Protein backbone atom coordinates (compact mmCIF):
# COMPACT_ATOMS: atom_id res chain seq x y z
CA MET A 1 -19.55 17.21 -22.64
CA MET A 2 -16.39 19.57 -23.90
CA LEU A 3 -13.06 19.71 -21.80
CA SER A 4 -11.25 22.50 -22.44
CA THR A 5 -7.09 22.09 -23.54
CA LYS A 6 -5.90 22.76 -19.98
CA MET A 7 -8.17 20.28 -18.16
CA LEU A 8 -6.91 17.82 -21.01
CA ARG A 9 -3.73 18.74 -20.26
CA GLU A 10 -3.82 18.20 -16.37
CA LEU A 11 -5.70 15.24 -16.86
CA TRP A 12 -2.54 13.63 -18.85
CA SER A 13 -0.24 14.49 -16.37
CA GLY A 14 -2.34 12.97 -13.84
CA VAL A 15 -1.86 9.72 -15.96
CA LYS A 16 1.45 10.00 -16.67
CA ILE A 17 2.75 10.17 -12.76
CA PHE A 18 -0.17 7.71 -12.11
CA ALA A 19 2.31 5.50 -14.54
CA ALA A 20 6.03 6.47 -13.49
CA ASP A 21 4.76 5.84 -9.58
CA LYS A 22 3.63 2.56 -10.66
CA ARG A 23 7.10 1.75 -12.21
CA LYS A 24 9.00 3.72 -8.60
CA VAL A 25 7.56 0.88 -5.76
CA ASP A 26 7.57 -2.32 -5.68
CA ALA A 27 5.06 -3.62 -3.65
CA ASP A 28 3.58 -6.85 -2.10
CA ILE A 29 1.78 -8.89 -0.09
CA ARG A 30 2.04 -12.15 1.96
CA ARG A 31 0.73 -13.31 4.77
CA GLY A 32 2.30 -15.14 8.00
CA ALA A 33 3.34 -15.29 11.29
CA TRP A 34 3.86 -12.70 13.83
CA GLU A 35 5.34 -13.16 16.88
CA ALA A 36 4.32 -10.24 19.06
CA SER A 37 5.98 -11.55 22.17
CA GLY A 38 7.12 -13.98 24.00
CA LYS A 39 4.15 -17.22 23.23
CA ASP A 40 2.30 -14.37 21.56
CA VAL A 41 1.64 -15.77 17.66
CA ARG A 42 -0.63 -14.22 14.75
CA ASP A 43 -1.57 -14.78 12.06
CA CYS A 44 -1.01 -11.51 9.46
CA TRP A 45 -0.84 -10.06 6.11
CA PHE A 46 2.72 -8.26 5.74
CA ILE A 47 2.92 -5.56 2.98
CA ARG A 48 6.36 -5.00 1.86
CA LEU A 49 7.47 -1.68 -0.02
CA ARG A 50 10.83 -0.88 -2.06
CA ASN A 51 11.24 2.67 -3.64
CA LEU A 52 12.82 2.01 -6.53
CA SER A 53 13.50 5.58 -8.26
CA ASP A 54 16.07 7.96 -7.44
CA GLU A 55 13.97 10.21 -5.51
CA ASN A 56 12.18 10.38 -1.60
CA LEU A 57 8.72 8.56 -2.23
CA LEU A 58 5.91 9.53 0.89
CA VAL A 59 3.21 6.85 1.59
CA THR A 60 0.65 8.67 2.92
CA ARG A 61 -2.00 5.88 3.49
CA VAL A 62 -2.04 1.68 3.55
CA TRP A 63 -5.96 -0.09 3.55
CA PHE A 64 -7.17 -3.10 3.16
CA GLU A 65 -10.60 -2.49 0.40
CA SER A 66 -12.91 -4.23 2.14
CA SER A 67 -16.44 -3.63 3.82
CA PRO A 68 -16.10 -2.03 6.44
CA ARG A 69 -12.43 -1.21 5.48
CA ALA A 70 -9.66 -1.87 7.25
CA GLU A 71 -7.24 0.85 7.72
CA VAL A 72 -3.29 -0.47 8.39
CA ASN A 73 -2.39 2.19 11.20
CA ARG A 74 0.44 0.65 13.19
CA ARG A 75 1.98 2.95 16.13
CA GLN A 76 5.51 0.99 14.92
CA ARG A 77 5.07 2.15 11.53
CA ARG A 78 3.50 5.85 11.43
CA LEU A 79 2.07 7.53 8.59
CA PRO A 80 3.29 9.50 6.36
CA LYS A 81 6.02 7.15 5.25
CA ALA A 82 9.15 8.41 3.44
CA LEU A 83 11.21 6.20 1.49
CA ALA A 84 14.40 6.78 0.51
CA PRO A 85 15.75 5.93 -2.97
CA GLY A 86 16.29 1.80 -2.78
CA GLU A 87 14.89 1.76 0.86
CA ALA A 88 12.67 -0.90 1.86
CA TRP A 89 9.73 -0.74 4.49
CA GLU A 90 6.98 -3.14 5.47
CA THR A 91 3.50 -2.88 7.72
CA TRP A 92 0.78 -5.18 8.95
CA LEU A 93 -2.95 -6.44 9.51
CA GLU A 94 -3.95 -8.72 11.86
CA VAL A 95 -5.65 -11.50 10.20
CA GLU A 96 -8.34 -10.81 12.83
CA LYS A 97 -9.72 -7.83 12.20
CA LEU A 98 -10.86 -8.00 8.61
CA PRO A 99 -13.93 -9.37 7.98
CA GLU A 100 -14.54 -12.89 7.98
CA ASP A 101 -15.74 -13.52 4.64
CA VAL A 102 -12.36 -11.49 3.19
CA ARG A 103 -9.75 -12.58 5.26
CA ASP A 104 -8.41 -14.97 2.84
CA GLN A 105 -9.10 -13.25 -0.13
CA ALA A 106 -7.27 -10.25 1.06
CA HIS A 107 -3.92 -9.98 -0.89
CA GLU A 108 -6.49 -8.93 -3.99
CA LEU A 109 -8.01 -5.90 -1.11
CA ALA A 110 -5.13 -4.18 -0.35
CA ARG A 111 -4.15 -0.48 -0.94
CA ILE A 112 -1.23 1.70 -0.90
CA CYS A 113 -1.69 5.50 -1.22
CA LEU A 114 1.50 7.66 -2.45
CA ALA A 115 1.69 11.06 -1.65
CA SER A 116 0.81 11.67 -5.18
CA GLY A 117 -2.52 10.57 -4.86
CA THR A 118 -1.61 6.89 -6.75
CA VAL A 119 -2.63 3.84 -5.58
CA ILE A 120 -1.41 0.53 -5.73
CA ARG A 121 -2.47 -2.96 -5.36
CA PRO A 122 0.64 -5.56 -3.64
CA VAL A 123 0.64 -8.40 -5.55
CA ARG A 124 1.60 -12.02 -3.80
CA ALA A 125 4.82 -12.82 -2.60
CA GLY A 126 5.56 -16.25 -4.10
């Protein structure tokens, strides 16, 4: 199959945007306890992002690539979320909302999508 010059240019542009977006976001994931209210403590996966760029970034989606897919959609942390330069943002998902067979490996399945279409895989925090 032969690609036109225009198609190659668009493909290269997308690769450059993808690489630039990855450098602009610091993303990590950790497992911990979240105290919902009073004595209600839940085991959760926390996903934290920090905008390292000089421009606003827009987070459009957060999910875990499991079967079935587990979307992170919190009333307290609505998406899309615009992150100003230097701004940090965190969301979470209760471990019990993930399929049982992936709950301990969920740090490998987390995904974050930016408005540019870039998908970021957070790294496990210390």
